[in-house]
């Protein structure tokens, strides 16, 4: 009887390790898509933007696979409460990563319609820096979830305010530019929505960090996320 129970536990552990490996692969794909989308914007590189758009199919497919495997794992192994919480956390976090992929695709789509003469300049550099910070947050939040690392998860959660501040600063800059150059309102609005997509991706990185905290402690954070400026009001 003991040997049989150990066999079941070992089988569950192997299934869980496989699920987490696919989850980390999904994180890598979402991070790469977001980073590549920001680079395509800065260079106004339409072929690079096209590649980001095309890569979203693989992200969607892997996220769907993870959801199906997680549901199958629950049905086949009937995990204990703590193990069930881990599987559910991976499922929720995988959904957040799929949304990040959508935001990267949206950035790439808007990049494709920007003309070579669009006033991208320093604004695209800010978007790239925002994207780089979000990519790091995504990587650390997924690692925190897999390792149940409270310190790392809390660090990611605190950095959400940095993304908000960068977005708010960029928005004010774009608004000023629009008033000074009404003929550029169209491309500047595209830049605004691109920045908003990056900011939303940051929210999903923070959500994954909160799932990591829930997994480690059994409770979601009681304090609301720190917000800055317009985000705090919204």
C-alpha atoms as a PDB file:
ATOM      1  CA  UNK A   1       0.000   0.000   0.000  1.00  0.00           C
ATOM      2  CA  UNK A   2       2.823   2.381   0.878  1.00  0.00           C
ATOM      3  CA  UNK A   3       4.637   1.578  -2.376  1.00  0.00           C
ATOM      4  CA  UNK A   4       1.460   2.274  -4.327  1.00  0.00           C
ATOM      5  CA  UNK A   5       0.978   5.625  -2.595  1.00  0.00           C
ATOM      6  CA  UNK A   6       4.590   6.561  -3.293  1.00  0.00           C
ATOM      7  CA  UNK A   7       4.092   5.612  -6.939  1.00  0.00           C
ATOM      8  CA  UNK A   8       1.021   7.877  -7.139  1.00  0.00           C
ATOM      9  CA  UNK A   9       2.905  10.760  -5.488  1.00  0.00           C
ATOM     10  CA  UNK A  10       5.864  10.269  -7.818  1.00  0.00           C
ATOM     11  CA  UNK A  11       3.564  10.244 -10.869  1.00  0.00           C
ATOM     12  CA  UNK A  12       1.887  13.432  -9.705  1.00  0.00           C
ATOM     13  CA  UNK A  13       5.240  15.121  -9.132  1.00  0.00           C
ATOM     14  CA  UNK A  14       6.361  14.202 -12.647  1.00  0.00           C
ATOM     15  CA  UNK A  15       3.121  15.529 -14.128  1.00  0.00           C
ATOM     16  CA  UNK A  16       3.445  18.734 -12.123  1.00  0.00           C
ATOM     17  CA  UNK A  17       7.062  19.220 -13.185  1.00  0.00           C
ATOM     18  CA  UNK A  18       6.021  18.788 -16.820  1.00  0.00           C
ATOM     19  CA  UNK A  19       3.200  21.310 -16.372  1.00  0.00           C
ATOM     20  CA  UNK A  20       5.555  23.837 -14.787  1.00  0.00           C
ATOM     21  CA  UNK A  21       8.119  23.329 -17.554  1.00  0.00           C
ATOM     22  CA  UNK A  22       5.492  24.166 -20.163  1.00  0.00           C
ATOM     23  CA  UNK A  23       4.437  27.147 -18.063  1.00  0.00           C
ATOM     24  CA  UNK A  24       8.003  28.490 -17.986  1.00  0.00           C
ATOM     25  CA  UNK A  25       8.261  27.961 -21.753  1.00  0.00           C
ATOM     26  CA  UNK A  26       5.054  29.976 -22.183  1.00  0.00           C
ATOM     27  CA  UNK A  27       6.525  32.743 -20.059  1.00  0.00           C
ATOM     28  CA  UNK A  28       9.619  32.814 -22.258  1.00  0.00           C
ATOM     29  CA  UNK A  29       7.510  33.087 -25.423  1.00  0.00           C
ATOM     30  CA  UNK A  30       5.406  35.926 -23.977  1.00  0.00           C
ATOM     31  CA  UNK A  31       8.488  37.783 -22.752  1.00  0.00           C
ATOM     32  CA  UNK A  32      10.176  37.447 -26.146  1.00  0.00           C
ATOM     33  CA  UNK A  33       7.077  38.661 -27.983  1.00  0.00           C
ATOM     34  CA  UNK A  34       6.823  41.764 -25.797  1.00  0.00           C
ATOM     35  CA  UNK A  35      10.519  42.549 -26.122  1.00  0.00           C
ATOM     36  CA  UNK A  36      10.511  42.011 -29.900  1.00  0.00           C
ATOM     37  CA  UNK A  37       7.403  44.166 -30.292  1.00  0.00           C
ATOM     38  CA  UNK A  38       9.104  47.075 -28.511  1.00  0.00           C
ATOM     39  CA  UNK A  39      12.218  46.678 -30.677  1.00  0.00           C
ATOM     40  CA  UNK A  40      10.096  46.600 -33.842  1.00  0.00           C
ATOM     41  CA  UNK A  41       8.430  49.836 -32.756  1.00  0.00           C
ATOM     42  CA  UNK A  42      11.684  51.615 -32.064  1.00  0.00           C
ATOM     43  CA  UNK A  43      13.037  50.670 -35.495  1.00  0.00           C
ATOM     44  CA  UNK A  44       9.623  50.928 -37.209  1.00  0.00           C
ATOM     45  CA  UNK A  45      10.477  47.497 -38.569  1.00  0.00           C
ATOM     46  CA  UNK A  46       7.335  46.069 -40.187  1.00  0.00           C
ATOM     47  CA  UNK A  47       8.778  42.590 -40.952  1.00  0.00           C
ATOM     48  CA  UNK A  48       9.807  42.296 -37.296  1.00  0.00           C
ATOM     49  CA  UNK A  49       6.311  43.384 -36.256  1.00  0.00           C
ATOM     50  CA  UNK A  50       4.845  40.739 -38.571  1.00  0.00           C
ATOM     51  CA  UNK A  51       6.928  38.061 -36.814  1.00  0.00           C
ATOM     52  CA  UNK A  52       5.549  39.140 -33.441  1.00  0.00           C
ATOM     53  CA  UNK A  53       2.001  38.945 -34.772  1.00  0.00           C
ATOM     54  CA  UNK A  54       2.638  35.481 -36.199  1.00  0.00           C
ATOM     55  CA  UNK A  55       4.216  34.265 -32.935  1.00  0.00           C
ATOM     56  CA  UNK A  56       0.974  34.818 -31.031  1.00  0.00           C
ATOM     57  CA  UNK A  57      -0.475  31.581 -32.430  1.00  0.00           C
ATOM     58  CA  UNK A  58       2.203  29.536 -30.641  1.00  0.00           C
ATOM     59  CA  UNK A  59       1.494  31.383 -27.388  1.00  0.00           C
ATOM     60  CA  UNK A  60      -2.232  30.704 -27.679  1.00  0.00           C
ATOM     61  CA  UNK A  61      -1.620  27.043 -28.516  1.00  0.00           C
ATOM     62  CA  UNK A  62       0.718  26.468 -25.582  1.00  0.00           C
ATOM     63  CA  UNK A  63      -1.607  28.249 -23.141  1.00  0.00           C
ATOM     64  CA  UNK A  64      -4.497  26.042 -24.293  1.00  0.00           C
ATOM     65  CA  UNK A  65      -2.306  22.955 -23.884  1.00  0.00           C
ATOM     66  CA  UNK A  66      -1.410  23.998 -20.329  1.00  0.00           C
ATOM     67  CA  UNK A  67      -5.075  24.499 -19.425  1.00  0.00           C
ATOM     68  CA  UNK A  68      -5.992  21.066 -20.800  1.00  0.00           C
ATOM     69  CA  UNK A  69      -3.061  19.348 -19.087  1.00  0.00           C
ATOM     70  CA  UNK A  70      -3.854  21.057 -15.789  1.00  0.00           C
ATOM     71  CA  UNK A  71      -7.510  20.001 -15.983  1.00  0.00           C
ATOM     72  CA  UNK A  72      -6.443  16.448 -16.821  1.00  0.00           C
ATOM     73  CA  UNK A  73      -3.985  16.421 -13.918  1.00  0.00           C
ATOM     74  CA  UNK A  74      -6.722  17.450 -11.497  1.00  0.00           C
ATOM     75  CA  UNK A  75      -9.104  14.798 -12.844  1.00  0.00           C
ATOM     76  CA  UNK A  76      -6.534  11.969 -12.875  1.00  0.00           C
ATOM     77  CA  UNK A  77      -4.590  12.627  -9.682  1.00  0.00           C
ATOM     78  CA  UNK A  78      -7.181  14.242  -7.361  1.00  0.00           C
ATOM     79  CA  UNK A  79      -4.466  16.408  -5.756  1.00  0.00           C
ATOM     80  CA  UNK A  80      -4.487  17.502  -2.145  1.00  0.00           C
ATOM     81  CA  UNK A  81      -5.548  21.044  -1.286  1.00  0.00           C
ATOM     82  CA  UNK A  82      -2.051  22.501  -1.449  1.00  0.00           C
ATOM     83  CA  UNK A  83      -1.210  20.700  -4.706  1.00  0.00           C
ATOM     84  CA  UNK A  84      -4.536  21.725  -6.189  1.00  0.00           C
ATOM     85  CA  UNK A  85      -3.744  25.337  -5.307  1.00  0.00           C
ATOM     86  CA  UNK A  86      -0.454  25.045  -7.215  1.00  0.00           C
ATOM     87  CA  UNK A  87      -2.155  23.659 -10.329  1.00  0.00           C
ATOM     88  CA  UNK A  88      -4.838  26.342 -10.244  1.00  0.00           C
ATOM     89  CA  UNK A  89      -2.203  29.057  -9.792  1.00  0.00           C
ATOM     90  CA  UNK A  90      -0.385  27.820 -12.901  1.00  0.00           C
ATOM     91  CA  UNK A  91      -3.658  27.825 -14.844  1.00  0.00           C
ATOM     92  CA  UNK A  92      -4.439  31.414 -13.853  1.00  0.00           C
ATOM     93  CA  UNK A  93      -0.889  32.592 -14.484  1.00  0.00           C
ATOM     94  CA  UNK A  94      -0.843  30.908 -17.899  1.00  0.00           C
ATOM     95  CA  UNK A  95      -3.959  32.867 -18.803  1.00  0.00           C
ATOM     96  CA  UNK A  96      -2.175  36.090 -17.802  1.00  0.00           C
ATOM     97  CA  UNK A  97       0.767  35.165 -20.042  1.00  0.00           C
ATOM     98  CA  UNK A  98      -1.608  34.569 -22.952  1.00  0.00           C
ATOM     99  CA  UNK A  99      -2.973  38.078 -22.421  1.00  0.00           C
ATOM    100  CA  UNK A 100       0.585  39.454 -22.454  1.00  0.00           C
ATOM    101  CA  UNK A 101       1.006  37.783 -25.838  1.00  0.00           C
ATOM    102  CA  UNK A 102      -2.127  39.562 -27.034  1.00  0.00           C
ATOM    103  CA  UNK A 103      -0.753  42.898 -25.865  1.00  0.00           C
ATOM    104  CA  UNK A 104       2.524  42.235 -27.699  1.00  0.00           C
ATOM    105  CA  UNK A 105       0.541  41.439 -30.840  1.00  0.00           C
ATOM    106  CA  UNK A 106      -1.446  44.661 -30.443  1.00  0.00           C
ATOM    107  CA  UNK A 107       1.784  46.661 -30.141  1.00  0.00           C
ATOM    108  CA  UNK A 108       3.075  45.036 -33.326  1.00  0.00           C
ATOM    109  CA  UNK A 109      -0.178  45.712 -35.191  1.00  0.00           C
ATOM    110  CA  UNK A 110      -0.046  49.391 -34.325  1.00  0.00           C
ATOM    111  CA  UNK A 111       3.633  49.513 -35.278  1.00  0.00           C
ATOM    112  CA  UNK A 112       2.737  48.244 -38.761  1.00  0.00           C
ATOM    113  CA  UNK A 113       0.472  51.243 -39.452  1.00  0.00           C
ATOM    114  CA  UNK A 114       2.996  53.851 -38.320  1.00  0.00           C
ATOM    115  CA  UNK A 115       4.691  55.577 -41.249  1.00  0.00           C
ATOM    116  CA  UNK A 116       8.497  55.869 -41.402  1.00  0.00           C
ATOM    117  CA  UNK A 117       8.047  59.590 -40.775  1.00  0.00           C
ATOM    118  CA  UNK A 118       6.021  59.063 -37.585  1.00  0.00           C
ATOM    119  CA  UNK A 119       7.333  61.047 -34.581  1.00  0.00           C
ATOM    120  CA  UNK A 120       8.456  57.943 -32.662  1.00  0.00           C
ATOM    121  CA  UNK A 121      11.906  59.078 -31.511  1.00  0.00           C
ATOM    122  CA  UNK A 122      12.324  59.226 -27.727  1.00  0.00           C
ATOM    123  CA  UNK A 123       8.771  58.006 -27.111  1.00  0.00           C
ATOM    124  CA  UNK A 124       9.618  54.592 -28.546  1.00  0.00           C
ATOM    125  CA  UNK A 125      12.703  54.494 -26.339  1.00  0.00           C
ATOM    126  CA  UNK A 126      10.487  54.993 -23.290  1.00  0.00           C
ATOM    127  CA  UNK A 127       8.198  52.209 -24.488  1.00  0.00           C
ATOM    128  CA  UNK A 128      11.217  49.929 -24.904  1.00  0.00           C
ATOM    129  CA  UNK A 129      12.376  50.696 -21.351  1.00  0.00           C
ATOM    130  CA  UNK A 130       8.864  50.035 -20.043  1.00  0.00           C
ATOM    131  CA  UNK A 131       8.802  46.774 -21.971  1.00  0.00           C
ATOM    132  CA  UNK A 132      12.202  45.713 -20.610  1.00  0.00           C
ATOM    133  CA  UNK A 133      11.001  46.289 -17.044  1.00  0.00           C
ATOM    134  CA  UNK A 134       7.776  44.337 -17.674  1.00  0.00           C
ATOM    135  CA  UNK A 135       9.744  41.469 -19.242  1.00  0.00           C
ATOM    136  CA  UNK A 136      11.913  41.273 -16.134  1.00  0.00           C
ATOM    137  CA  UNK A 137       8.813  41.354 -13.932  1.00  0.00           C
ATOM    138  CA  UNK A 138       7.252  38.542 -15.959  1.00  0.00           C
ATOM    139  CA  UNK A 139      10.362  36.395 -15.665  1.00  0.00           C
ATOM    140  CA  UNK A 140      10.683  36.977 -11.927  1.00  0.00           C
ATOM    141  CA  UNK A 141       6.968  36.508 -11.204  1.00  0.00           C
ATOM    142  CA  UNK A 142       6.860  33.154 -13.008  1.00  0.00           C
ATOM    143  CA  UNK A 143      10.030  32.041 -11.200  1.00  0.00           C
ATOM    144  CA  UNK A 144       8.483  33.165  -7.915  1.00  0.00           C
ATOM    145  CA  UNK A 145       5.374  31.102  -8.600  1.00  0.00           C
ATOM    146  CA  UNK A 146       7.284  27.936  -9.476  1.00  0.00           C
ATOM    147  CA  UNK A 147       9.618  28.307  -6.465  1.00  0.00           C
ATOM    148  CA  UNK A 148       6.971  29.738  -4.105  1.00  0.00           C
ATOM    149  CA  UNK A 149       9.382  32.607  -3.461  1.00  0.00           C
ATOM    150  CA  UNK A 150       7.603  35.205  -1.324  1.00  0.00           C
ATOM    151  CA  UNK A 151      10.429  37.749  -1.393  1.00  0.00           C
ATOM    152  CA  UNK A 152      10.705  37.716  -5.177  1.00  0.00           C
ATOM    153  CA  UNK A 153       6.935  37.892  -5.623  1.00  0.00           C
ATOM    154  CA  UNK A 154       6.649  40.894  -3.303  1.00  0.00           C
ATOM    155  CA  UNK A 155       9.500  42.607  -5.152  1.00  0.00           C
ATOM    156  CA  UNK A 156       7.651  42.239  -8.460  1.00  0.00           C
ATOM    157  CA  UNK A 157       4.417  43.502  -6.957  1.00  0.00           C
ATOM    158  CA  UNK A 158       6.087  46.642  -5.613  1.00  0.00           C
ATOM    159  CA  UNK A 159       7.522  47.466  -9.048  1.00  0.00           C
ATOM    160  CA  UNK A 160       4.080  47.804 -10.619  1.00  0.00           C
ATOM    161  CA  UNK A 161       4.122  51.449  -9.531  1.00  0.00           C
ATOM    162  CA  UNK A 162       7.272  52.028 -11.602  1.00  0.00           C
ATOM    163  CA  UNK A 163       5.416  50.952 -14.746  1.00  0.00           C
ATOM    164  CA  UNK A 164       2.511  53.235 -13.847  1.00  0.00           C
ATOM    165  CA  UNK A 165       4.832  56.194 -13.365  1.00  0.00           C
ATOM    166  CA  UNK A 166       6.570  55.595 -16.702  1.00  0.00           C
ATOM    167  CA  UNK A 167       3.214  55.318 -18.454  1.00  0.00           C
ATOM    168  CA  UNK A 168       1.878  58.505 -16.831  1.00  0.00           C
ATOM    169  CA  UNK A 169       5.023  60.449 -17.766  1.00  0.00           C
ATOM    170  CA  UNK A 170       4.834  59.229 -21.353  1.00  0.00           C
ATOM    171  CA  UNK A 171       1.135  60.047 -21.584  1.00  0.00           C
ATOM    172  CA  UNK A 172       1.745  63.642 -20.466  1.00  0.00           C
ATOM    173  CA  UNK A 173       4.579  63.956 -22.985  1.00  0.00           C
ATOM    174  CA  UNK A 174       2.395  62.644 -25.798  1.00  0.00           C
ATOM    175  CA  UNK A 175      -0.436  64.966 -24.812  1.00  0.00           C
ATOM    176  CA  UNK A 176       1.892  67.970 -24.939  1.00  0.00           C
ATOM    177  CA  UNK A 177       3.206  66.859 -28.328  1.00  0.00           C
ATOM    178  CA  UNK A 178      -0.373  66.516 -29.649  1.00  0.00           C
ATOM    179  CA  UNK A 179      -1.217  70.072 -28.622  1.00  0.00           C
ATOM    180  CA  UNK A 180       1.945  71.407 -30.231  1.00  0.00           C
ATOM    181  CA  UNK A 181       1.619  69.323 -33.411  1.00  0.00           C
ATOM    182  CA  UNK A 182      -2.051  68.520 -34.224  1.00  0.00           C
ATOM    183  CA  UNK A 183      -1.063  66.945 -37.558  1.00  0.00           C
ATOM    184  CA  UNK A 184       0.651  64.156 -35.634  1.00  0.00           C
ATOM    185  CA  UNK A 185      -2.304  63.279 -33.419  1.00  0.00           C
ATOM    186  CA  UNK A 186      -2.949  60.014 -35.295  1.00  0.00           C
ATOM    187  CA  UNK A 187       0.473  58.402 -34.835  1.00  0.00           C
ATOM    188  CA  UNK A 188       0.760  59.827 -31.315  1.00  0.00           C
ATOM    189  CA  UNK A 189      -2.521  58.152 -30.378  1.00  0.00           C
ATOM    190  CA  UNK A 190      -1.090  54.874 -31.659  1.00  0.00           C
ATOM    191  CA  UNK A 191       1.920  55.408 -29.395  1.00  0.00           C
ATOM    192  CA  UNK A 192      -0.391  56.092 -26.468  1.00  0.00           C
ATOM    193  CA  UNK A 193      -2.302  52.853 -26.981  1.00  0.00           C
ATOM    194  CA  UNK A 194       0.982  50.976 -27.412  1.00  0.00           C
ATOM    195  CA  UNK A 195       2.173  52.325 -24.048  1.00  0.00           C
ATOM    196  CA  UNK A 196      -1.159  51.366 -22.502  1.00  0.00           C
ATOM    197  CA  UNK A 197      -0.733  47.805 -23.754  1.00  0.00           C
ATOM    198  CA  UNK A 198       2.696  47.634 -22.109  1.00  0.00           C
ATOM    199  CA  UNK A 199       1.243  48.999 -18.869  1.00  0.00           C
ATOM    200  CA  UNK A 200      -1.491  46.346 -18.961  1.00  0.00           C
ATOM    201  CA  UNK A 201       1.127  43.663 -19.513  1.00  0.00           C
ATOM    202  CA  UNK A 202       2.776  44.933 -16.327  1.00  0.00           C
ATOM    203  CA  UNK A 203      -0.526  44.466 -14.503  1.00  0.00           C
ATOM    204  CA  UNK A 204      -0.543  40.818 -15.580  1.00  0.00           C
ATOM    205  CA  UNK A 205       3.033  40.337 -14.368  1.00  0.00           C
ATOM    206  CA  UNK A 206       1.880  41.692 -11.010  1.00  0.00           C
ATOM    207  CA  UNK A 207      -1.141  39.359 -11.055  1.00  0.00           C
ATOM    208  CA  UNK A 208       1.200  36.394 -11.504  1.00  0.00           C
ATOM    209  CA  UNK A 209       3.259  37.633  -8.542  1.00  0.00           C
ATOM    210  CA  UNK A 210       0.074  37.771  -6.478  1.00  0.00           C
ATOM    211  CA  UNK A 211      -0.723  34.189  -7.499  1.00  0.00           C
ATOM    212  CA  UNK A 212       2.762  33.260  -6.280  1.00  0.00           C
ATOM    213  CA  UNK A 213       2.040  34.925  -2.935  1.00  0.00           C
ATOM    214  CA  UNK A 214      -1.288  33.111  -2.675  1.00  0.00           C
ATOM    215  CA  UNK A 215       0.420  29.821  -3.441  1.00  0.00           C
ATOM    216  CA  UNK A 216       3.103  30.413  -0.812  1.00  0.00           C
ATOM    217  CA  UNK A 217       0.910  31.805   1.955  1.00  0.00           C
ATOM    218  CA  UNK A 218      -2.614  30.596   1.195  1.00  0.00           C
ATOM    219  CA  UNK A 219      -3.862  34.189   1.099  1.00  0.00           C
ATOM    220  CA  UNK A 220      -4.021  36.918  -1.510  1.00  0.00           C
ATOM    221  CA  UNK A 221      -2.307  40.211  -0.523  1.00  0.00           C
ATOM    222  CA  UNK A 222      -4.608  42.211   1.719  1.00  0.00           C
ATOM    223  CA  UNK A 223      -3.168  45.583   0.761  1.00  0.00           C
ATOM    224  CA  UNK A 224      -4.109  47.046  -2.636  1.00  0.00           C
ATOM    225  CA  UNK A 225      -1.360  47.416  -5.199  1.00  0.00           C
ATOM    226  CA  UNK A 226       0.475  50.742  -4.988  1.00  0.00           C
ATOM    227  CA  UNK A 227      -0.579  52.945  -7.886  1.00  0.00           C
ATOM    228  CA  UNK A 228       0.701  56.189  -9.307  1.00  0.00           C
ATOM    229  CA  UNK A 229      -1.030  59.273 -10.667  1.00  0.00           C
ATOM    230  CA  UNK A 230      -3.810  58.556 -13.132  1.00  0.00           C
ATOM    231  CA  UNK A 231      -3.702  54.822 -12.419  1.00  0.00           C
ATOM    232  CA  UNK A 232      -4.349  55.505  -8.739  1.00  0.00           C
ATOM    233  CA  UNK A 233      -7.397  57.564  -9.678  1.00  0.00           C
ATOM    234  CA  UNK A 234      -8.660  54.973 -12.155  1.00  0.00           C
END
